[in-house]
Amino acid sequence: MSGTFPIKNNLTQGGALSPLLFSFALEYAFRRVQVNQDGLKLNGTHQLLVYADGVNMLGGSVHTLKESTEALVAASKKSGLEANADKTKYLVIS
């Protein structure tokens, strides 16, 4: 026996490590966006609300919110995460 074993790069949804690894990947993406983007700040405060797999982003304008969303999607892809466009909702209040 050579001492090698196959490595898989996926987890099942109900796996014990899945929530923890998902949280790490999502936190990494959020921190990258908050460090690199002023668009996630409104009145000097970060406006990114996260619970489980839900994300709420607030912005001072549609343009700012669009830029912040694009930055978050790009940072998430680097962690192997993807946004589900079918589950994405937008609300603009002025």
Protein backbone atom coordinates (compact mmCIF):
# COMPACT_ATOMS: atom_id res chain seq x y z
CA MET A 1 0.00 0.00 0.00
CA SER A 2 1.38 3.38 -1.00
CA GLY A 3 -0.18 5.39 1.83
CA THR A 4 -2.24 7.66 -0.42
CA PHE A 5 -5.97 8.14 -0.37
CA PRO A 6 -8.43 9.98 -2.60
CA ILE A 7 -9.39 13.51 -1.61
CA LYS A 8 -12.85 14.88 -2.33
CA ASN A 9 -13.59 18.58 -2.27
CA ASN A 10 -17.29 18.46 -1.47
CA LEU A 11 -19.45 18.10 1.62
CA THR A 12 -22.98 16.91 1.99
CA GLN A 13 -25.57 19.47 3.04
CA GLY A 14 -26.25 17.61 6.28
CA GLY A 15 -22.56 17.05 7.07
CA ALA A 16 -21.33 18.11 10.50
CA LEU A 17 -18.66 20.44 9.08
CA SER A 18 -20.85 22.02 6.38
CA PRO A 19 -22.28 24.91 8.46
CA LEU A 20 -18.90 25.73 9.96
CA LEU A 21 -17.04 25.75 6.64
CA PHE A 22 -19.86 27.72 5.00
CA SER A 23 -19.64 30.33 7.77
CA PHE A 24 -15.86 30.61 7.35
CA ALA A 25 -16.15 31.07 3.59
CA LEU A 26 -18.92 33.65 3.92
CA GLU A 27 -17.08 35.56 6.66
CA TYR A 28 -13.98 35.70 4.48
CA ALA A 29 -16.00 37.19 1.61
CA PHE A 30 -17.68 39.77 3.87
CA ARG A 31 -14.41 40.90 5.37
CA ARG A 32 -12.84 41.30 1.91
CA VAL A 33 -15.74 43.47 0.77
CA GLN A 34 -15.84 45.58 3.94
CA VAL A 35 -12.11 46.25 3.77
CA ASN A 36 -12.07 47.05 0.05
CA GLN A 37 -15.40 48.81 -0.46
CA ASP A 38 -16.66 52.08 0.98
CA GLY A 39 -20.06 51.20 -0.47
CA LEU A 40 -20.91 49.01 2.49
CA LYS A 41 -20.83 51.98 4.82
CA LEU A 42 -23.74 54.32 5.43
CA ASN A 43 -23.24 57.14 7.94
CA GLY A 44 -19.90 55.60 8.91
CA THR A 45 -21.42 52.25 9.87
CA HIS A 46 -21.23 48.97 7.98
CA GLN A 47 -24.63 48.12 6.57
CA LEU A 48 -24.33 44.40 6.05
CA LEU A 49 -26.69 42.20 8.05
CA VAL A 50 -26.08 38.45 7.98
CA TYR A 51 -27.93 35.57 9.57
CA ALA A 52 -27.35 31.93 8.58
CA ASP A 53 -27.36 32.02 4.77
CA GLY A 54 -29.33 35.26 4.44
CA VAL A 55 -27.65 38.56 3.66
CA ASN A 56 -29.20 42.02 3.79
CA MET A 57 -27.28 44.94 2.34
CA LEU A 58 -28.22 48.57 2.82
CA GLY A 59 -26.96 51.45 0.72
CA GLY A 60 -27.41 55.16 0.28
CA SER A 61 -28.25 54.81 -3.43
CA VAL A 62 -29.09 52.17 -6.01
CA HIS A 63 -25.67 52.70 -7.58
CA THR A 64 -23.84 52.15 -4.27
CA LEU A 65 -25.90 49.06 -3.52
CA LYS A 66 -25.22 47.63 -6.98
CA GLU A 67 -21.48 48.15 -6.59
CA SER A 68 -21.51 46.56 -3.13
CA THR A 69 -23.50 43.57 -4.36
CA GLU A 70 -21.14 43.02 -7.28
CA ALA A 71 -18.14 43.21 -4.94
CA LEU A 72 -19.70 40.68 -2.55
CA VAL A 73 -20.53 38.27 -5.38
CA ALA A 74 -16.95 38.51 -6.71
CA ALA A 75 -15.43 37.96 -3.24
CA SER A 76 -17.79 35.03 -2.60
CA LYS A 77 -16.76 33.32 -5.84
CA LYS A 78 -13.14 33.36 -4.66
CA SER A 79 -14.30 31.28 -1.68
CA GLY A 80 -16.23 28.89 -3.91
CA LEU A 81 -19.65 30.33 -3.07
CA GLU A 82 -22.31 31.47 -5.54
CA ALA A 83 -25.31 33.72 -5.13
CA ASN A 84 -28.60 32.15 -6.18
CA ALA A 85 -30.23 34.69 -8.51
CA ASP A 86 -33.63 32.99 -8.14
CA LYS A 87 -33.59 33.65 -4.39
CA THR A 88 -32.24 37.19 -4.62
CA LYS A 89 -34.62 40.04 -3.78
CA TYR A 90 -34.13 43.78 -4.11
CA LEU A 91 -36.02 46.54 -2.35
CA VAL A 92 -35.39 50.19 -3.14
CA ILE A 93 -36.83 52.78 -0.77
CA SER A 94 -36.41 56.49 -1.35
